[in-house]
Protein backbone atom coordinates (compact mmCIF):
# COMPACT_ATOMS: atom_id res chain seq x y z
CA UNK A 1 23.46 -27.20 -58.17
CA UNK A 2 22.48 -27.43 -54.34
CA UNK A 3 21.75 -23.33 -54.31
CA UNK A 4 19.52 -24.05 -57.70
CA UNK A 5 17.99 -26.48 -55.69
CA UNK A 6 17.01 -24.39 -53.10
CA UNK A 7 15.76 -21.37 -54.82
CA UNK A 8 13.73 -23.37 -56.87
CA UNK A 9 12.26 -24.71 -53.63
CA UNK A 10 11.56 -21.40 -52.60
CA UNK A 11 10.24 -20.29 -56.44
CA UNK A 12 7.51 -23.53 -56.42
CA UNK A 13 6.49 -23.14 -52.38
CA UNK A 14 5.92 -19.44 -52.99
CA UNK A 15 3.92 -20.72 -56.03
CA UNK A 16 1.86 -23.37 -54.26
CA UNK A 17 0.82 -20.63 -51.71
CA UNK A 18 -0.35 -18.35 -54.53
CA UNK A 19 -2.78 -21.50 -56.29
CA UNK A 20 -3.88 -22.49 -52.93
CA UNK A 21 -4.80 -19.11 -51.82
CA UNK A 22 -2.62 -20.08 -48.74
CA UNK A 23 -0.71 -17.22 -46.22
CA UNK A 24 1.45 -16.86 -43.00
CA UNK A 25 -1.07 -16.77 -39.85
CA UNK A 26 -2.88 -13.52 -39.40
CA UNK A 27 -1.79 -11.38 -36.24
CA UNK A 28 -3.62 -8.36 -34.97
CA UNK A 29 -1.12 -5.99 -33.96
CA UNK A 30 -1.64 -3.90 -30.57
CA UNK A 31 1.29 -1.58 -29.20
CA UNK A 32 2.44 -1.34 -26.26
CA UNK A 33 4.27 2.05 -24.79
CA UNK A 34 6.65 1.30 -21.84
CA UNK A 35 10.53 2.79 -20.57
CA UNK A 36 12.67 0.12 -21.68
CA UNK A 37 16.02 2.56 -21.09
CA UNK A 38 16.48 5.36 -18.65
CA UNK A 39 15.67 6.05 -14.92
CA UNK A 40 12.61 4.28 -14.95
CA UNK A 41 13.62 0.88 -17.67
CA UNK A 42 13.66 -1.02 -14.27
CA UNK A 43 9.79 -0.91 -14.55
CA UNK A 44 9.59 -1.20 -17.73
CA UNK A 45 11.39 -4.82 -17.67
CA UNK A 46 9.22 -6.08 -15.42
CA UNK A 47 5.89 -5.20 -17.18
CA UNK A 48 7.20 -5.55 -20.68
CA UNK A 49 8.17 -9.29 -19.47
CA UNK A 50 4.69 -9.67 -18.14
CA UNK A 51 2.68 -8.81 -21.24
CA UNK A 52 4.96 -10.88 -22.72
CA UNK A 53 3.87 -13.81 -20.84
CA UNK A 54 0.07 -13.21 -20.75
CA UNK A 55 0.20 -12.77 -24.91
CA UNK A 56 2.13 -15.95 -25.23
CA UNK A 57 -0.17 -18.12 -23.02
CA UNK A 58 -3.24 -16.64 -24.76
CA UNK A 59 -1.33 -17.32 -28.43
CA UNK A 60 -1.00 -20.86 -27.04
CA UNK A 61 -4.31 -21.15 -26.59
CA UNK A 62 -5.50 -20.04 -29.81
CA UNK A 63 -5.28 -16.16 -29.98
CA UNK A 64 -8.16 -13.76 -30.72
CA UNK A 65 -10.80 -15.05 -33.32
CA UNK A 66 -8.40 -17.43 -35.01
CA UNK A 67 -5.40 -14.66 -35.11
CA UNK A 68 -2.24 -14.34 -33.09
CA UNK A 69 -1.94 -11.09 -30.65
CA UNK A 70 1.53 -9.13 -31.87
CA UNK A 71 2.77 -7.09 -29.15
CA UNK A 72 4.76 -4.24 -30.61
CA UNK A 73 6.54 -2.99 -27.80
CA UNK A 74 8.31 0.70 -28.39
CA UNK A 75 10.31 2.52 -25.82
CA UNK A 76 8.95 5.72 -24.39
CA UNK A 77 12.48 6.42 -22.71
CA UNK A 78 10.11 8.04 -19.95
CA UNK A 79 9.79 11.16 -21.80
CA UNK A 80 6.47 12.37 -22.81
CA UNK A 81 7.65 13.50 -25.49
CA UNK A 82 9.30 10.33 -26.91
CA UNK A 83 5.87 8.81 -25.81
CA UNK A 84 4.24 10.85 -28.10
CA UNK A 85 6.25 9.73 -30.99
CA UNK A 86 6.40 6.76 -30.40
CA UNK A 87 2.37 6.24 -30.35
CA UNK A 88 1.98 8.19 -33.48
CA UNK A 89 4.22 5.72 -35.22
CA UNK A 90 2.14 2.79 -33.74
CA UNK A 91 -0.76 4.32 -35.07
CA UNK A 92 0.11 5.55 -38.63
CA UNK A 93 2.76 3.37 -39.75
CA UNK A 94 2.08 -0.09 -37.66
CA UNK A 95 -2.16 0.37 -37.86
CA UNK A 96 -1.88 -1.25 -34.17
CA UNK A 97 -5.84 -1.76 -33.44
CA UNK A 98 -5.22 -0.70 -29.79
CA UNK A 99 -2.45 0.60 -27.56
CA UNK A 100 -1.76 -0.72 -23.89
CA UNK A 101 1.32 -0.05 -21.38
CA UNK A 102 1.64 3.66 -19.68
CA UNK A 103 4.15 3.77 -16.91
CA UNK A 104 5.05 7.14 -15.68
CA UNK A 105 2.12 9.45 -15.16
CA UNK A 106 3.49 12.27 -17.72
CA UNK A 107 3.94 10.00 -20.27
CA UNK A 108 0.89 7.96 -20.02
CA UNK A 109 -1.15 11.39 -20.00
CA UNK A 110 1.03 12.24 -23.16
CA UNK A 111 -0.02 8.94 -24.86
CA UNK A 112 -3.56 9.62 -23.80
CA UNK A 113 -3.77 12.82 -25.48
CA UNK A 114 -2.83 11.17 -28.68
CA UNK A 115 -4.77 7.95 -28.60
CA UNK A 116 -7.55 9.88 -27.58
CA UNK A 117 -7.58 12.41 -30.45
CA UNK A 118 -6.87 9.54 -33.03
CA UNK A 119 -9.68 7.40 -31.46
CA UNK A 120 -7.60 4.43 -31.09
CA UNK A 121 -8.35 2.21 -27.28
CA UNK A 122 -5.66 2.98 -25.01
CA UNK A 123 -5.86 0.51 -22.02
CA UNK A 124 -3.22 2.34 -19.04
CA UNK A 125 -2.24 -0.16 -16.95
CA UNK A 126 -0.05 1.32 -14.03
CA UNK A 127 0.26 5.54 -15.24
CA UNK A 128 -1.89 6.61 -12.13
CA UNK A 129 -2.04 10.39 -12.05
CA UNK A 130 -6.26 11.26 -11.46
CA UNK A 131 -6.02 13.37 -14.59
CA UNK A 132 -5.73 10.62 -16.79
CA UNK A 133 -9.11 9.82 -16.85
CA UNK A 134 -10.50 12.59 -15.26
CA UNK A 135 -10.47 14.62 -18.61
CA UNK A 136 -13.53 12.85 -20.10
CA UNK A 137 -11.56 10.75 -22.59
CA UNK A 138 -13.97 8.35 -24.09
CA UNK A 139 -11.41 6.12 -25.16
CA UNK A 140 -9.07 5.85 -22.68
CA UNK A 141 -9.39 3.17 -20.05
CA UNK A 142 -7.29 2.52 -16.43
CA UNK A 143 -7.00 -0.93 -14.71
CA UNK A 144 -5.28 0.57 -12.01
CA UNK A 145 -6.35 2.67 -9.13
CA UNK A 146 -5.49 6.91 -9.36
CA UNK A 147 -2.81 7.94 -7.14
CA UNK A 148 -5.27 9.37 -5.09
CA UNK A 149 -6.80 6.45 -4.00
CA UNK A 150 -3.38 4.91 -3.04
CA UNK A 151 -3.12 5.31 0.25
CA UNK A 152 -6.79 3.90 1.12
CA UNK A 153 -5.08 1.14 3.14
CA UNK A 154 -2.67 3.39 4.58
CA UNK A 155 -5.26 5.71 6.07
CA UNK A 156 -6.51 2.70 8.00
CA UNK A 157 -3.20 1.55 9.35
CA UNK A 158 -2.61 5.23 10.59
CA UNK A 159 -5.94 5.64 12.25
CA UNK A 160 -5.65 2.06 13.66
CA UNK A 161 -2.21 1.62 14.69
CA UNK A 162 0.26 4.27 14.34
CA UNK A 163 -2.05 7.01 15.21
CA UNK A 164 0.29 10.01 14.25
CA UNK A 165 -0.46 13.76 14.93
CA UNK A 166 2.66 15.60 12.52
CA UNK A 167 3.66 14.00 8.96
CA UNK A 168 6.42 15.05 6.67
CA UNK A 169 5.38 14.78 2.57
CA UNK A 170 8.37 14.51 0.65
CA UNK A 171 7.45 13.60 -3.56
CA UNK A 172 9.08 14.18 -6.72
CA UNK A 173 8.66 17.16 -9.30
CA UNK A 174 6.84 15.17 -11.62
CA UNK A 175 2.92 14.53 -11.97
CA UNK A 176 2.93 11.37 -10.41
CA UNK A 177 4.79 12.49 -7.63
CA UNK A 178 2.92 16.02 -7.62
CA UNK A 179 -0.29 14.09 -7.44
CA UNK A 180 0.80 11.73 -4.38
CA UNK A 181 1.88 14.07 -2.26
CA UNK A 182 -1.35 16.58 -2.86
CA UNK A 183 -3.69 13.77 -2.26
CA UNK A 184 -2.06 12.17 1.18
CA UNK A 185 -1.76 15.87 2.44
CA UNK A 186 -5.69 16.51 1.51
CA UNK A 187 -5.52 12.80 3.47
CA UNK A 188 -3.86 14.07 6.90
CA UNK A 189 -5.98 17.31 6.47
CA UNK A 190 -9.28 14.98 6.38
CA UNK A 191 -7.43 12.92 9.54
CA UNK A 192 -6.31 15.99 11.48
CA UNK A 193 -2.56 15.67 11.06
CA UNK A 194 -0.75 18.35 10.89
CA UNK A 195 1.76 18.78 7.48
CA UNK A 196 4.57 20.19 9.02
CA UNK A 197 6.47 20.53 5.28
CA UNK A 198 5.16 18.97 1.87
CA UNK A 199 8.38 19.40 -0.68
CA UNK A 200 9.12 18.31 -3.84
CA UNK A 201 13.01 17.54 -5.00
CA UNK A 202 13.94 16.78 -9.06
CA UNK A 203 14.09 13.08 -9.56
CA UNK A 204 17.48 11.74 -9.68
CA UNK A 205 19.14 14.16 -6.90
CA UNK A 206 22.20 12.49 -5.51
CA UNK A 207 22.05 14.71 -2.12
CA UNK A 208 18.61 15.03 -0.43
CA UNK A 209 20.56 15.50 2.70
CA UNK A 210 19.31 19.49 2.96
CA UNK A 211 16.33 18.53 2.47
CA UNK A 212 16.31 15.47 5.45
CA UNK A 213 18.16 17.72 7.93
CA UNK A 214 15.13 19.78 7.82
CA UNK A 215 13.57 16.66 8.54
CA UNK A 216 14.85 15.40 11.41
CA UNK A 217 14.82 19.16 12.97
CA UNK A 218 11.08 18.55 12.53
CA UNK A 219 11.14 15.49 13.94
CA UNK A 220 7.69 14.34 12.44
CA UNK A 221 5.96 11.29 13.36
CA UNK A 222 5.07 9.89 9.80
CA UNK A 223 7.63 10.50 6.97
CA UNK A 224 5.61 9.79 3.54
CA UNK A 225 7.52 10.03 0.14
CA UNK A 226 6.40 9.64 -3.20
CA UNK A 227 9.46 8.29 -5.02
CA UNK A 228 10.75 5.89 -7.83
CA UNK A 229 13.57 3.41 -7.14
CA UNK A 230 16.84 5.32 -6.89
CA UNK A 231 15.38 8.36 -5.32
CA UNK A 232 13.65 6.00 -3.10
CA UNK A 233 16.85 4.41 -1.90
CA UNK A 234 18.62 7.14 -1.57
CA UNK A 235 16.27 9.07 0.49
CA UNK A 236 16.33 5.86 2.62
CA UNK A 237 19.76 5.54 2.72
CA UNK A 238 20.48 9.21 4.09
CA UNK A 239 17.67 9.63 6.57
CA UNK A 240 19.66 6.18 8.23
CA UNK A 241 22.98 8.49 7.68
CA UNK A 242 21.06 11.04 9.95
CA UNK A 243 19.45 8.62 12.18
CA UNK A 244 16.23 10.40 11.20
CA UNK A 245 13.44 7.84 13.52
CA UNK A 246 10.14 9.19 13.12
CA UNK A 247 7.21 6.44 14.27
CA UNK A 248 7.04 5.15 10.56
CA UNK A 249 8.93 5.64 7.21
CA UNK A 250 5.68 4.64 4.45
CA UNK A 251 6.09 4.95 0.54
CA UNK A 252 4.06 5.75 -1.75
CA UNK A 253 3.88 2.71 -4.05
CA UNK A 254 6.27 2.97 -7.06
CA UNK A 255 9.91 2.36 -5.98
CA UNK A 256 9.27 1.67 -2.54
CA UNK A 257 7.82 -1.88 -3.40
CA UNK A 258 10.46 -3.47 -6.19
CA UNK A 259 12.63 -5.69 -5.61
CA UNK A 260 15.57 -2.99 -6.27
CA UNK A 261 14.99 -0.84 -3.85
CA UNK A 262 16.06 -3.79 -0.95
CA UNK A 263 19.07 -4.11 -3.38
CA UNK A 264 19.97 -0.52 -3.06
CA UNK A 265 18.70 0.50 0.34
CA UNK A 266 19.92 -2.53 1.49
CA UNK A 267 19.13 -2.34 5.62
CA UNK A 268 17.78 0.92 5.29
CA UNK A 269 14.92 -0.33 3.52
CA UNK A 270 14.12 -2.77 6.57
CA UNK A 271 10.65 -2.37 8.01
CA UNK A 272 10.02 0.41 5.67
CA UNK A 273 6.32 0.31 4.75
CA UNK A 274 4.26 1.10 1.37
CA UNK A 275 1.09 1.37 -0.26
CA UNK A 276 0.81 -1.65 -2.97
CA UNK A 277 -1.55 -1.98 -5.64
CA UNK A 278 -1.46 -6.19 -5.41
CA UNK A 279 0.52 -8.84 -3.70
CA UNK A 280 0.80 -12.78 -5.05
CA UNK A 281 -0.85 -14.16 -1.77
CA UNK A 282 -4.53 -12.53 -2.57
CA UNK A 283 -7.26 -15.04 -3.52
CA UNK A 284 -7.41 -13.44 -7.65
CA UNK A 285 -7.42 -16.76 -9.85
CA UNK A 286 -3.86 -16.92 -11.36
CA UNK A 287 -2.59 -14.49 -9.10
CA UNK A 288 0.19 -16.86 -7.43
CA UNK A 289 0.65 -19.07 -10.57
CA UNK A 290 2.09 -15.86 -12.41
CA UNK A 291 4.49 -14.69 -9.54
CA UNK A 292 5.54 -18.43 -9.44
CA UNK A 293 6.43 -19.00 -13.29
CA UNK A 294 7.86 -15.58 -13.59
CA UNK A 295 10.55 -16.62 -11.05
CA UNK A 296 10.99 -19.57 -12.36
CA UNK A 297 11.74 -17.76 -16.05
CA UNK A 298 13.66 -14.63 -14.25
CA UNK A 299 14.75 -15.88 -11.19
CA UNK A 300 13.84 -12.83 -9.88
CA UNK A 301 10.34 -11.81 -7.97
CA UNK A 302 7.58 -9.32 -9.22
CA UNK A 303 5.25 -7.53 -7.73
CA UNK A 304 2.39 -5.11 -8.43
CA UNK A 305 3.73 -3.45 -11.45
CA UNK A 306 4.54 -6.80 -13.21
CA UNK A 307 0.95 -8.12 -12.00
CA UNK A 308 -0.96 -4.65 -13.67
CA UNK A 309 0.86 -5.54 -17.21
CA UNK A 310 -0.16 -9.39 -16.70
CA UNK A 311 -3.47 -8.22 -16.41
CA UNK A 312 -3.86 -6.20 -18.93
CA UNK A 313 -2.42 -8.70 -21.48
CA UNK A 314 -5.66 -10.77 -19.99
CA UNK A 315 -8.16 -7.76 -21.01
CA UNK A 316 -6.67 -6.86 -23.89
CA UNK A 317 -7.28 -10.60 -25.06
CA UNK A 318 -10.44 -10.46 -23.69
CA UNK A 319 -11.80 -6.92 -25.18
CA UNK A 320 -10.58 -8.47 -29.04
CA UNK A 321 -12.16 -11.91 -28.36
CA UNK A 322 -15.59 -9.63 -27.63
CA UNK A 323 -15.33 -7.19 -29.93
CA UNK A 324 -17.79 -7.24 -32.90
CA UNK A 325 -14.34 -6.99 -35.51
CA UNK A 326 -10.71 -5.07 -34.93
CA UNK A 327 -12.19 -1.91 -35.37
CA UNK A 328 -11.24 0.75 -32.90
CA UNK A 329 -14.78 1.43 -32.00
CA UNK A 330 -15.65 -1.71 -31.42
CA UNK A 331 -12.71 -2.28 -29.34
CA UNK A 332 -13.63 0.31 -27.35
CA UNK A 333 -17.01 -0.86 -27.02
CA UNK A 334 -16.41 -4.12 -25.75
CA UNK A 335 -13.68 -2.50 -23.37
CA UNK A 336 -16.76 -0.25 -22.16
CA UNK A 337 -18.82 -3.93 -21.42
CA UNK A 338 -15.37 -5.43 -19.80
CA UNK A 339 -16.18 -7.70 -16.55
CA UNK A 340 -13.65 -9.93 -15.73
CA UNK A 341 -11.14 -11.32 -13.04
CA UNK A 342 -7.65 -11.09 -13.83
CA UNK A 343 -4.57 -11.54 -11.63
CA UNK A 344 -4.71 -8.55 -10.40
CA UNK A 345 -8.21 -8.39 -9.23
CA UNK A 346 -11.83 -7.93 -10.87
CA UNK A 347 -11.78 -5.74 -13.62
CA UNK A 348 -14.85 -3.24 -14.41
CA UNK A 349 -14.76 0.17 -15.97
CA UNK A 350 -16.81 2.22 -14.74
CA UNK A 351 -17.58 6.44 -14.04
CA UNK A 352 -17.60 7.80 -10.71
CA UNK A 353 -16.39 11.22 -9.11
CA UNK A 354 -14.69 12.74 -11.75
CA UNK A 355 -13.85 9.86 -13.36
CA UNK A 356 -14.34 8.08 -16.25
CA UNK A 357 -13.56 4.26 -17.70
CA UNK A 358 -11.91 3.54 -14.44
CA UNK A 359 -11.57 0.32 -12.74
CA UNK A 360 -12.07 0.29 -8.84
CA UNK A 361 -9.97 -1.50 -6.63
CA UNK A 362 -8.89 -1.71 -2.80
CA UNK A 363 -5.31 -0.79 -1.76
CA UNK A 364 -2.78 -2.75 0.90
CA UNK A 365 0.08 -2.17 2.65
CA UNK A 366 3.23 -4.16 2.31
CA UNK A 367 6.59 -3.89 4.53
CA UNK A 368 9.96 -5.09 4.45
CA UNK A 369 10.49 -7.77 6.81
CA UNK A 370 13.85 -9.58 7.09
CA UNK A 371 14.58 -8.86 3.66
CA UNK A 372 11.40 -9.99 2.30
CA UNK A 373 8.27 -8.13 1.18
CA UNK A 374 5.61 -8.97 3.33
CA UNK A 375 1.48 -8.07 3.34
CA UNK A 376 0.89 -6.43 6.40
CA UNK A 377 -2.33 -4.59 6.18
CA UNK A 378 -5.22 -5.19 6.30
CA UNK A 379 -4.70 -7.40 9.06
CA UNK A 380 -6.84 -10.40 7.98
CA UNK A 381 -5.33 -11.49 4.74
CA UNK A 382 -1.88 -10.68 6.12
CA UNK A 383 1.65 -12.82 5.36
CA UNK A 384 3.23 -11.36 7.97
CA UNK A 385 1.75 -9.36 11.19
CA UNK A 386 2.75 -5.42 10.62
CA UNK A 387 5.97 -5.02 12.85
CA UNK A 388 5.58 -1.93 15.05
CA UNK A 389 6.46 0.32 17.10
CA UNK A 390 9.96 0.26 15.19
CA UNK A 391 13.13 1.04 16.67
CA UNK A 392 15.35 2.52 13.88
CA UNK A 393 18.61 2.66 15.18
CA UNK A 394 18.38 -0.90 16.28
CA UNK A 395 16.92 -1.92 12.66
CA UNK A 396 20.00 0.02 11.00
CA UNK A 397 22.26 -1.98 13.44
CA UNK A 398 23.87 1.23 15.50
């Protein structure tokens, strides 16, 4: 009898919905592409959590135009072919109205090509290779700076404080790594620094000592590295083992700002500096609130990758609210008219130089000091004074 009663209730409830015209709350679907497994999973994790935080808060306030935003998050595994496949599924099967995400440059570029071909707006929040927004695509918008602008604050720190003469550049053989290395090489040439070596390597290596031995022989003033987490950590651990002592070690963002870099490299991370795109103490509305809420929720710290994703969630909602409809062309138009403030900073998509639909923001320098990532440059907004010069052997406790 109880089972019959439950069935009868379900039937009557469904008939009631049909008679009254009621329906479950509608949702507007947005596709997000991130690396959730594989070597870049830690980046994907911090961004997935941040997207979900932002959208949950937006939905709690009523969503967009009376509808909730439904994120459909797909794992690109860090591979361009998988990225293409999952975004085609998001567009054709899930019928998303727009796309977001995009971590590694190689995957982001592949996804952007599919989005442009299908005329679906794609808001990139991390993929940084210049060609993502220099290909003339009108449906692709980028919130974060391109990799050629990452070293902006690093340049002034080198010019004002370090004043090097020689540089070695080590980089992953990926779209991000090669683009970042090429850009920094051009910067060195402009500033009059001699590049003694620019050496690429395959990601996921277990022995960087052959190239690091050469670096030690060259004895450069600066060692500049463009690497993801595991490679960044191993490069510094093996540099410590070989007692390589330049004036400064510099990371080109990416792996060098993540909490896992400190956990993996341990004391070898100490006093290493890195370019960064964000810090929680910046006077952007909600920046510190986002940082504190993330730490409270996940018991770990966030950094610029998470802030990019959270801000992308804010911009997605802003564009959907302002769009005349949820048709891709109307969302594209709304994105092109964006002028908003986020936890990551101001967002306005403009065209300059060869870039199209590109947000333009300053960059910063952070340094690992006593195991904590501190903002050290520009000096007027620093949380700690830049530690320089560095006695590396003493720092490494030799």
